[in-house]
Amino acid sequence: MIQKKICLLGAFAVGKTSLVQRYVNSLFSDKYLTTLGVKIDKKVVTVDDQDVNLMIWDLAGEDEFMTVRMSYLRGSSGFLLVADGTRLDTLETAKRLKEKIEIEMGPKPLILLINKSDVEDEWQISVDDIADLITNGWTVYKTSAKSGDYVEHVFQDLTLKMVSE
């Protein structure tokens, strides 16, 4: 069985922990839990008839006072960057994190999740913002930890990209 490390990164309160809980345990809670440092979950999935042990690192959010420890990224095979559709500034944080990852790690499979698609009518991130990202080579999904929209698909897509590398 192969083992792959995935890191979830993004600003505070974008839904990283909720996305992991939805994926690993099929659960959602409205309670906000701040991640301190890193929380690690695991899940075994099958991709192309091959079992893959995913080690999912949920990293504490980044803002002007707290930055991601680059040492946490070592050994990662892929990344999920998470932005909150209702907060445009979280997209800017995701863009900065992508630059940091590429400088530290080189090219790695990376997907941007714009979370909270269940309240898309409240979004500050526009269709044009998303189109610009896609034009610039980003893989982007609209997700909802609450409803589960595209959560399973995103992890499956990233796993396939990592295994195919």
N, C-alpha and C. Protein backbone atom coordinates (compact mmCIF):
# COMPACT_ATOMS: atom_id res chain seq x y z
N MET A 1 0.86 -1.18 0.00
CA MET A 1 0.00 0.00 0.00
C MET A 1 0.90 1.24 0.00
N ILE A 2 0.54 2.19 -0.84
CA ILE A 2 1.31 3.43 -0.86
C ILE A 2 0.73 4.40 0.17
N GLN A 3 1.59 5.28 0.65
CA GLN A 3 1.18 6.30 1.60
C GLN A 3 1.44 7.66 0.99
N LYS A 4 0.46 8.55 1.10
CA LYS A 4 0.58 9.91 0.57
C LYS A 4 0.14 10.91 1.63
N LYS A 5 0.93 11.96 1.76
CA LYS A 5 0.62 13.03 2.71
C LYS A 5 -0.02 14.19 1.97
N ILE A 6 -1.17 14.63 2.48
CA ILE A 6 -1.90 15.78 1.94
C ILE A 6 -1.93 16.86 3.02
N CYS A 7 -1.65 18.09 2.66
CA CYS A 7 -1.78 19.22 3.60
C CYS A 7 -2.93 20.11 3.16
N LEU A 8 -3.79 20.47 4.12
CA LEU A 8 -4.84 21.46 3.89
C LEU A 8 -4.37 22.77 4.49
N LEU A 9 -4.39 23.82 3.68
CA LEU A 9 -3.95 25.13 4.12
C LEU A 9 -4.96 26.18 3.73
N GLY A 10 -4.96 27.27 4.46
CA GLY A 10 -5.84 28.39 4.16
C GLY A 10 -5.91 29.33 5.34
N ALA A 11 -6.69 30.38 5.20
CA ALA A 11 -6.88 31.35 6.28
C ALA A 11 -7.67 30.70 7.42
N PHE A 12 -7.78 31.43 8.54
CA PHE A 12 -8.58 30.95 9.66
C PHE A 12 -10.05 30.87 9.26
N ALA A 13 -10.74 29.85 9.77
CA ALA A 13 -12.19 29.72 9.67
C ALA A 13 -12.72 29.61 8.25
N VAL A 14 -11.95 28.97 7.35
CA VAL A 14 -12.44 28.75 5.99
C VAL A 14 -13.13 27.40 5.85
N GLY A 15 -12.94 26.53 6.86
CA GLY A 15 -13.61 25.23 6.84
C GLY A 15 -12.70 24.04 6.61
N LYS A 16 -11.40 24.22 6.82
CA LYS A 16 -10.45 23.11 6.60
C LYS A 16 -10.79 21.91 7.47
N THR A 17 -10.95 22.13 8.76
CA THR A 17 -11.25 21.04 9.69
C THR A 17 -12.60 20.41 9.36
N SER A 18 -13.57 21.22 9.02
CA SER A 18 -14.90 20.69 8.67
C SER A 18 -14.85 19.85 7.40
N LEU A 19 -14.03 20.26 6.43
CA LEU A 19 -13.88 19.47 5.21
C LEU A 19 -13.25 18.11 5.50
N VAL A 20 -12.23 18.11 6.36
CA VAL A 20 -11.58 16.85 6.72
C VAL A 20 -12.57 15.95 7.46
N GLN A 21 -13.32 16.51 8.41
CA GLN A 21 -14.28 15.71 9.16
C GLN A 21 -15.38 15.15 8.26
N ARG A 22 -15.81 15.95 7.30
CA ARG A 22 -16.82 15.48 6.34
C ARG A 22 -16.25 14.32 5.52
N TYR A 23 -15.00 14.45 5.09
CA TYR A 23 -14.38 13.42 4.25
C TYR A 23 -14.06 12.14 5.03
N VAL A 24 -13.42 12.29 6.17
CA VAL A 24 -12.95 11.13 6.92
C VAL A 24 -14.08 10.44 7.68
N ASN A 25 -14.96 11.23 8.30
CA ASN A 25 -15.98 10.67 9.20
C ASN A 25 -17.43 10.88 8.74
N SER A 26 -17.62 11.53 7.58
CA SER A 26 -18.96 11.85 7.07
C SER A 26 -19.77 12.65 8.08
N LEU A 27 -19.09 13.57 8.79
CA LEU A 27 -19.73 14.38 9.82
C LEU A 27 -19.58 15.86 9.52
N PHE A 28 -20.54 16.66 10.02
CA PHE A 28 -20.42 18.11 9.98
C PHE A 28 -20.96 18.65 11.29
N SER A 29 -20.24 19.64 11.82
CA SER A 29 -20.69 20.32 13.04
C SER A 29 -20.61 21.82 12.81
N ASP A 30 -21.62 22.54 13.31
CA ASP A 30 -21.61 24.01 13.21
C ASP A 30 -20.66 24.63 14.22
N LYS A 31 -20.17 23.84 15.18
CA LYS A 31 -19.25 24.38 16.19
C LYS A 31 -17.91 24.70 15.55
N TYR A 32 -17.39 25.88 15.83
CA TYR A 32 -16.10 26.26 15.30
C TYR A 32 -15.00 25.80 16.24
N LEU A 33 -14.08 25.01 15.72
CA LEU A 33 -12.95 24.53 16.51
C LEU A 33 -11.67 25.03 15.87
N THR A 34 -10.90 25.81 16.59
CA THR A 34 -9.64 26.31 16.07
C THR A 34 -8.60 25.20 16.13
N THR A 35 -7.91 25.01 15.01
CA THR A 35 -6.82 24.03 14.98
C THR A 35 -5.56 24.72 15.48
N LEU A 36 -4.91 24.13 16.47
CA LEU A 36 -3.65 24.66 16.97
C LEU A 36 -2.54 23.79 16.41
N GLY A 37 -1.67 24.38 15.61
CA GLY A 37 -0.58 23.62 15.01
C GLY A 37 -1.09 22.77 13.87
N VAL A 38 -1.21 21.47 14.10
CA VAL A 38 -1.64 20.56 13.06
C VAL A 38 -2.47 19.42 13.66
N LYS A 39 -3.49 18.97 12.92
CA LYS A 39 -4.27 17.81 13.31
C LYS A 39 -4.15 16.82 12.15
N ILE A 40 -3.84 15.58 12.48
CA ILE A 40 -3.60 14.58 11.43
C ILE A 40 -4.68 13.50 11.48
N ASP A 41 -5.30 13.26 10.32
CA ASP A 41 -6.27 12.18 10.16
C ASP A 41 -5.76 11.27 9.06
N LYS A 42 -6.35 10.07 9.00
CA LYS A 42 -5.96 9.18 7.90
C LYS A 42 -7.18 8.48 7.35
N LYS A 43 -7.05 8.11 6.08
CA LYS A 43 -8.12 7.38 5.42
C LYS A 43 -7.50 6.57 4.29
N VAL A 44 -7.94 5.32 4.17
CA VAL A 44 -7.47 4.46 3.09
C VAL A 44 -8.51 4.53 1.96
N VAL A 45 -8.02 4.81 0.75
CA VAL A 45 -8.89 4.88 -0.42
C VAL A 45 -8.30 4.01 -1.52
N THR A 46 -9.12 3.67 -2.49
CA THR A 46 -8.65 2.90 -3.63
C THR A 46 -8.74 3.76 -4.88
N VAL A 47 -7.62 3.85 -5.59
CA VAL A 47 -7.56 4.61 -6.83
C VAL A 47 -6.87 3.73 -7.86
N ASP A 48 -7.51 3.55 -9.00
CA ASP A 48 -6.95 2.69 -10.06
C ASP A 48 -6.54 1.32 -9.51
N ASP A 49 -7.43 0.70 -8.75
CA ASP A 49 -7.19 -0.63 -8.17
C ASP A 49 -5.99 -0.67 -7.23
N GLN A 50 -5.64 0.44 -6.68
CA GLN A 50 -4.48 0.53 -5.78
C GLN A 50 -4.93 1.17 -4.47
N ASP A 51 -4.62 0.53 -3.33
CA ASP A 51 -4.94 1.11 -2.03
C ASP A 51 -3.94 2.20 -1.70
N VAL A 52 -4.47 3.33 -1.24
CA VAL A 52 -3.63 4.48 -0.88
C VAL A 52 -4.00 4.91 0.53
N ASN A 53 -2.99 4.95 1.41
CA ASN A 53 -3.18 5.42 2.78
C ASN A 53 -2.92 6.93 2.79
N LEU A 54 -3.99 7.70 2.93
CA LEU A 54 -3.86 9.15 2.96
C LEU A 54 -3.62 9.63 4.38
N MET A 55 -2.55 10.38 4.56
CA MET A 55 -2.28 11.05 5.82
C MET A 55 -2.67 12.51 5.58
N ILE A 56 -3.74 12.96 6.23
CA ILE A 56 -4.31 14.28 5.95
C ILE A 56 -3.93 15.23 7.08
N TRP A 57 -3.09 16.20 6.75
CA TRP A 57 -2.61 17.19 7.71
C TRP A 57 -3.46 18.45 7.59
N ASP A 58 -4.21 18.74 8.63
CA ASP A 58 -5.06 19.93 8.72
C ASP A 58 -4.25 20.97 9.50
N LEU A 59 -3.71 21.96 8.78
CA LEU A 59 -2.82 22.95 9.41
C LEU A 59 -3.61 24.14 9.93
N ALA A 60 -3.13 24.71 11.02
CA ALA A 60 -3.75 25.90 11.59
C ALA A 60 -3.84 26.99 10.54
N GLY A 61 -4.88 27.80 10.63
CA GLY A 61 -5.10 28.87 9.66
C GLY A 61 -4.01 29.91 9.67
N GLU A 62 -3.90 30.60 8.55
CA GLU A 62 -2.89 31.65 8.40
C GLU A 62 -3.59 33.01 8.36
N ASP A 63 -2.97 33.99 9.03
CA ASP A 63 -3.40 35.39 8.93
C ASP A 63 -2.17 36.26 9.15
N GLU A 64 -2.40 37.55 9.38
CA GLU A 64 -1.24 38.45 9.53
C GLU A 64 -0.43 38.18 10.80
N PHE A 65 -0.97 37.45 11.75
CA PHE A 65 -0.26 37.17 13.00
C PHE A 65 0.37 35.78 13.03
N MET A 66 -0.14 34.88 12.21
CA MET A 66 0.29 33.49 12.26
C MET A 66 0.56 33.01 10.84
N THR A 67 1.73 32.42 10.62
CA THR A 67 2.03 31.87 9.31
C THR A 67 2.28 30.37 9.43
N VAL A 68 2.04 29.69 8.34
CA VAL A 68 2.21 28.24 8.29
C VAL A 68 3.69 27.89 8.44
N ARG A 69 3.97 26.92 9.29
CA ARG A 69 5.35 26.45 9.43
C ARG A 69 5.68 25.59 8.22
N MET A 70 6.65 26.03 7.49
CA MET A 70 7.02 25.32 6.26
C MET A 70 7.50 23.90 6.56
N SER A 71 8.02 23.67 7.77
CA SER A 71 8.48 22.32 8.11
C SER A 71 7.32 21.31 8.08
N TYR A 72 6.07 21.78 8.31
CA TYR A 72 4.91 20.89 8.25
C TYR A 72 4.68 20.37 6.83
N LEU A 73 5.17 21.08 5.84
CA LEU A 73 4.91 20.71 4.45
C LEU A 73 5.83 19.61 3.94
N ARG A 74 6.96 19.40 4.62
CA ARG A 74 7.93 18.40 4.16
C ARG A 74 7.27 17.03 3.99
N GLY A 75 7.60 16.38 2.90
CA GLY A 75 7.07 15.04 2.64
C GLY A 75 5.68 15.02 2.05
N SER A 76 5.11 16.20 1.79
CA SER A 76 3.76 16.24 1.22
C SER A 76 3.76 15.85 -0.24
N SER A 77 2.74 15.12 -0.62
CA SER A 77 2.57 14.70 -2.00
C SER A 77 1.58 15.60 -2.74
N GLY A 78 0.72 16.29 -1.99
CA GLY A 78 -0.29 17.15 -2.60
C GLY A 78 -0.87 18.11 -1.59
N PHE A 79 -1.56 19.12 -2.12
CA PHE A 79 -2.08 20.19 -1.27
C PHE A 79 -3.51 20.55 -1.65
N LEU A 80 -4.31 20.82 -0.63
CA LEU A 80 -5.63 21.40 -0.81
C LEU A 80 -5.58 22.78 -0.15
N LEU A 81 -5.73 23.81 -0.97
CA LEU A 81 -5.83 25.17 -0.45
C LEU A 81 -7.32 25.47 -0.31
N VAL A 82 -7.69 26.07 0.82
CA VAL A 82 -9.11 26.32 1.07
C VAL A 82 -9.34 27.81 1.26
N ALA A 83 -10.34 28.32 0.54
CA ALA A 83 -10.80 29.70 0.71
C ALA A 83 -12.28 29.65 1.07
N ASP A 84 -12.75 30.68 1.74
CA ASP A 84 -14.15 30.82 2.12
C ASP A 84 -14.81 31.73 1.08
N GLY A 85 -15.76 31.21 0.34
CA GLY A 85 -16.42 32.00 -0.71
C GLY A 85 -17.02 33.30 -0.22
N THR A 86 -17.35 33.37 1.07
CA THR A 86 -17.99 34.58 1.62
C THR A 86 -16.97 35.63 2.07
N ARG A 87 -15.66 35.31 1.94
CA ARG A 87 -14.61 36.24 2.39
C ARG A 87 -13.51 36.31 1.33
N LEU A 88 -13.52 37.38 0.55
CA LEU A 88 -12.57 37.54 -0.56
C LEU A 88 -11.12 37.50 -0.09
N ASP A 89 -10.85 38.03 1.09
CA ASP A 89 -9.47 38.06 1.59
C ASP A 89 -8.88 36.66 1.75
N THR A 90 -9.73 35.65 1.94
CA THR A 90 -9.21 34.28 2.10
C THR A 90 -8.68 33.73 0.77
N LEU A 91 -9.17 34.27 -0.34
CA LEU A 91 -8.63 33.89 -1.64
C LEU A 91 -7.22 34.44 -1.80
N GLU A 92 -7.00 35.66 -1.32
CA GLU A 92 -5.66 36.25 -1.38
C GLU A 92 -4.68 35.44 -0.52
N THR A 93 -5.14 34.98 0.63
CA THR A 93 -4.31 34.13 1.49
C THR A 93 -3.95 32.84 0.75
N ALA A 94 -4.92 32.24 0.06
CA ALA A 94 -4.66 31.00 -0.69
C ALA A 94 -3.63 31.24 -1.79
N LYS A 95 -3.72 32.38 -2.45
CA LYS A 95 -2.75 32.71 -3.52
C LYS A 95 -1.34 32.83 -2.94
N ARG A 96 -1.21 33.50 -1.78
CA ARG A 96 0.10 33.63 -1.12
C ARG A 96 0.64 32.27 -0.71
N LEU A 97 -0.23 31.43 -0.19
CA LEU A 97 0.20 30.09 0.24
C LEU A 97 0.68 29.26 -0.95
N LYS A 98 0.00 29.38 -2.08
CA LYS A 98 0.43 28.65 -3.28
C LYS A 98 1.85 29.07 -3.67
N GLU A 99 2.13 30.37 -3.62
CA GLU A 99 3.48 30.86 -3.94
C GLU A 99 4.51 30.27 -2.98
N LYS A 100 4.18 30.26 -1.68
CA LYS A 100 5.10 29.70 -0.68
C LYS A 100 5.36 28.22 -0.93
N ILE A 101 4.30 27.49 -1.23
CA ILE A 101 4.43 26.05 -1.49
C ILE A 101 5.34 25.81 -2.68
N GLU A 102 5.11 26.56 -3.76
CA GLU A 102 5.90 26.35 -4.97
C GLU A 102 7.37 26.69 -4.74
N ILE A 103 7.64 27.72 -3.94
CA ILE A 103 9.03 28.08 -3.62
C ILE A 103 9.68 26.99 -2.77
N GLU A 104 8.99 26.52 -1.74
CA GLU A 104 9.52 25.52 -0.81
C GLU A 104 9.58 24.12 -1.40
N MET A 105 8.52 23.73 -2.12
CA MET A 105 8.34 22.33 -2.50
C MET A 105 8.47 22.06 -4.00
N GLY A 106 8.47 23.10 -4.81
CA GLY A 106 8.44 22.89 -6.26
C GLY A 106 7.03 22.52 -6.68
N PRO A 107 6.88 22.09 -7.93
CA PRO A 107 5.53 21.76 -8.40
C PRO A 107 5.00 20.48 -7.75
N LYS A 108 3.82 20.57 -7.20
CA LYS A 108 3.13 19.44 -6.57
C LYS A 108 1.65 19.54 -6.95
N PRO A 109 0.93 18.41 -6.97
CA PRO A 109 -0.51 18.49 -7.20
C PRO A 109 -1.17 19.39 -6.16
N LEU A 110 -1.99 20.31 -6.64
CA LEU A 110 -2.61 21.30 -5.76
C LEU A 110 -4.00 21.63 -6.30
N ILE A 111 -4.97 21.66 -5.41
CA ILE A 111 -6.35 22.01 -5.78
C ILE A 111 -6.84 23.10 -4.82
N LEU A 112 -7.52 24.08 -5.38
CA LEU A 112 -8.14 25.14 -4.58
C LEU A 112 -9.60 24.80 -4.36
N LEU A 113 -10.01 24.79 -3.09
CA LEU A 113 -11.41 24.58 -2.74
C LEU A 113 -11.99 25.92 -2.30
N ILE A 114 -13.04 26.33 -2.96
CA ILE A 114 -13.76 27.51 -2.48
C ILE A 114 -14.95 26.95 -1.73
N ASN A 115 -14.86 27.04 -0.43
CA ASN A 115 -15.79 26.37 0.46
C ASN A 115 -17.01 27.24 0.74
N LYS A 116 -18.04 26.59 1.24
CA LYS A 116 -19.31 27.19 1.63
C LYS A 116 -20.21 27.45 0.42
N SER A 117 -20.22 26.48 -0.52
CA SER A 117 -21.09 26.60 -1.69
C SER A 117 -22.57 26.52 -1.30
N ASP A 118 -22.85 26.06 -0.09
CA ASP A 118 -24.24 26.01 0.38
C ASP A 118 -24.81 27.41 0.63
N VAL A 119 -23.96 28.43 0.70
CA VAL A 119 -24.41 29.82 0.86
C VAL A 119 -23.80 30.69 -0.25
N GLU A 120 -23.80 30.15 -1.47
CA GLU A 120 -23.16 30.82 -2.60
C GLU A 120 -23.77 32.20 -2.89
N ASP A 121 -25.01 32.41 -2.52
CA ASP A 121 -25.63 33.73 -2.72
C ASP A 121 -24.99 34.81 -1.84
N GLU A 122 -24.19 34.42 -0.85
CA GLU A 122 -23.50 35.37 0.04
C GLU A 122 -22.03 35.56 -0.33
N TRP A 123 -21.60 34.94 -1.41
CA TRP A 123 -20.18 34.95 -1.78
C TRP A 123 -19.67 36.32 -2.18
N GLN A 124 -18.42 36.59 -1.78
CA GLN A 124 -17.67 37.76 -2.25
C GLN A 124 -16.73 37.36 -3.39
N ILE A 125 -16.39 36.07 -3.48
CA ILE A 125 -15.55 35.58 -4.56
C ILE A 125 -16.46 35.39 -5.77
N SER A 126 -16.13 36.07 -6.86
CA SER A 126 -17.01 36.11 -8.03
C SER A 126 -16.69 35.01 -9.04
N VAL A 127 -17.61 34.84 -9.97
CA VAL A 127 -17.43 33.91 -11.08
C VAL A 127 -16.19 34.33 -11.88
N ASP A 128 -15.99 35.65 -12.04
CA ASP A 128 -14.81 36.16 -12.77
C ASP A 128 -13.52 35.82 -12.04
N ASP A 129 -13.52 35.92 -10.69
CA ASP A 129 -12.33 35.55 -9.91
C ASP A 129 -11.97 34.09 -10.18
N ILE A 130 -12.96 33.24 -10.18
CA ILE A 130 -12.75 31.81 -10.39
C ILE A 130 -12.27 31.55 -11.82
N ALA A 131 -12.88 32.22 -12.78
CA ALA A 131 -12.48 32.06 -14.18
C ALA A 131 -11.03 32.47 -14.38
N ASP A 132 -10.60 33.56 -13.73
CA ASP A 132 -9.21 34.01 -13.83
C ASP A 132 -8.25 32.96 -13.29
N LEU A 133 -8.61 32.35 -12.16
CA LEU A 133 -7.76 31.31 -11.57
C LEU A 133 -7.63 30.12 -12.53
N ILE A 134 -8.74 29.68 -13.08
CA ILE A 134 -8.73 28.54 -14.00
C ILE A 134 -7.90 28.86 -15.24
N THR A 135 -8.05 30.09 -15.75
CA THR A 135 -7.25 30.53 -16.90
C THR A 135 -5.76 30.47 -16.59
N ASN A 136 -5.41 30.72 -15.33
CA ASN A 136 -4.00 30.70 -14.90
C ASN A 136 -3.54 29.32 -14.43
N GLY A 137 -4.30 28.28 -14.76
CA GLY A 137 -3.85 26.92 -14.51
C GLY A 137 -4.26 26.31 -13.18
N TRP A 138 -5.06 26.99 -12.39
CA TRP A 138 -5.52 26.43 -11.11
C TRP A 138 -6.63 25.40 -11.36
N THR A 139 -6.65 24.37 -10.52
CA THR A 139 -7.80 23.46 -10.46
C THR A 139 -8.64 23.97 -9.30
N VAL A 140 -9.92 24.28 -9.57
CA VAL A 140 -10.78 24.92 -8.57
C VAL A 140 -12.09 24.14 -8.45
N TYR A 141 -12.50 23.90 -7.21
CA TYR A 141 -13.80 23.29 -6.94
C TYR A 141 -14.56 24.14 -5.93
N LYS A 142 -15.87 24.22 -6.12
CA LYS A 142 -16.76 24.81 -5.12
C LYS A 142 -17.21 23.67 -4.23
N THR A 143 -16.94 23.79 -2.93
CA THR A 143 -17.27 22.71 -2.00
C THR A 143 -18.15 23.22 -0.86
N SER A 144 -18.73 22.28 -0.16
CA SER A 144 -19.46 22.59 1.07
C SER A 144 -19.23 21.47 2.06
N ALA A 145 -18.57 21.81 3.16
CA ALA A 145 -18.40 20.82 4.23
C ALA A 145 -19.77 20.49 4.84
N LYS A 146 -20.65 21.47 4.84
CA LYS A 146 -21.97 21.29 5.45
C LYS A 146 -22.81 20.28 4.67
N SER A 147 -22.92 20.47 3.36
CA SER A 147 -23.75 19.58 2.54
C SER A 147 -22.96 18.39 1.99
N GLY A 148 -21.63 18.52 1.98
CA GLY A 148 -20.78 17.47 1.43
C GLY A 148 -20.50 17.62 -0.06
N ASP A 149 -21.02 18.68 -0.68
CA ASP A 149 -20.83 18.89 -2.11
C ASP A 149 -19.36 18.86 -2.51
N TYR A 150 -19.03 17.94 -3.39
CA TYR A 150 -17.72 17.77 -4.02
C TYR A 150 -16.58 17.40 -3.06
N VAL A 151 -16.85 17.19 -1.79
CA VAL A 151 -15.77 16.89 -0.84
C VAL A 151 -15.09 15.57 -1.20
N GLU A 152 -15.86 14.53 -1.35
CA GLU A 152 -15.29 13.22 -1.70
C GLU A 152 -14.55 13.31 -3.04
N HIS A 153 -15.16 13.98 -4.00
CA HIS A 153 -14.60 14.11 -5.33
C HIS A 153 -13.23 14.80 -5.32
N VAL A 154 -13.10 15.85 -4.52
CA VAL A 154 -11.85 16.61 -4.45
C VAL A 154 -10.71 15.74 -3.93
N PHE A 155 -10.95 15.01 -2.85
CA PHE A 155 -9.91 14.14 -2.31
C PHE A 155 -9.56 13.03 -3.30
N GLN A 156 -10.56 12.50 -3.99
CA GLN A 156 -10.32 11.46 -5.00
C GLN A 156 -9.49 12.02 -6.15
N ASP A 157 -9.82 13.23 -6.60
CA ASP A 157 -9.10 13.87 -7.69
C ASP A 157 -7.64 14.12 -7.31
N LEU A 158 -7.42 14.65 -6.10
CA LEU A 158 -6.06 14.92 -5.65
C LEU A 158 -5.27 13.61 -5.51
N THR A 159 -5.90 12.59 -4.97
CA THR A 159 -5.23 11.29 -4.81
C THR A 159 -4.82 10.73 -6.18
N LEU A 160 -5.70 10.82 -7.15
CA LEU A 160 -5.39 10.36 -8.50
C LEU A 160 -4.20 11.13 -9.07
N LYS A 161 -4.17 12.44 -8.87
CA LYS A 161 -3.05 13.27 -9.36
C LYS A 161 -1.76 12.85 -8.68
N MET A 162 -1.79 12.58 -7.37
CA MET A 162 -0.58 12.21 -6.64
C MET A 162 -0.06 10.84 -7.07
N VAL A 163 -0.97 9.90 -7.27
CA VAL A 163 -0.57 8.55 -7.66
C VAL A 163 -0.05 8.53 -9.09
N SER A 164 -0.58 9.40 -9.93
CA SER A 164 -0.18 9.45 -11.34
C SER A 164 1.14 10.17 -11.57
N GLU A 165 1.66 10.85 -10.56
CA GLU A 165 2.89 11.63 -10.69
C GLU A 165 4.08 10.78 -11.05
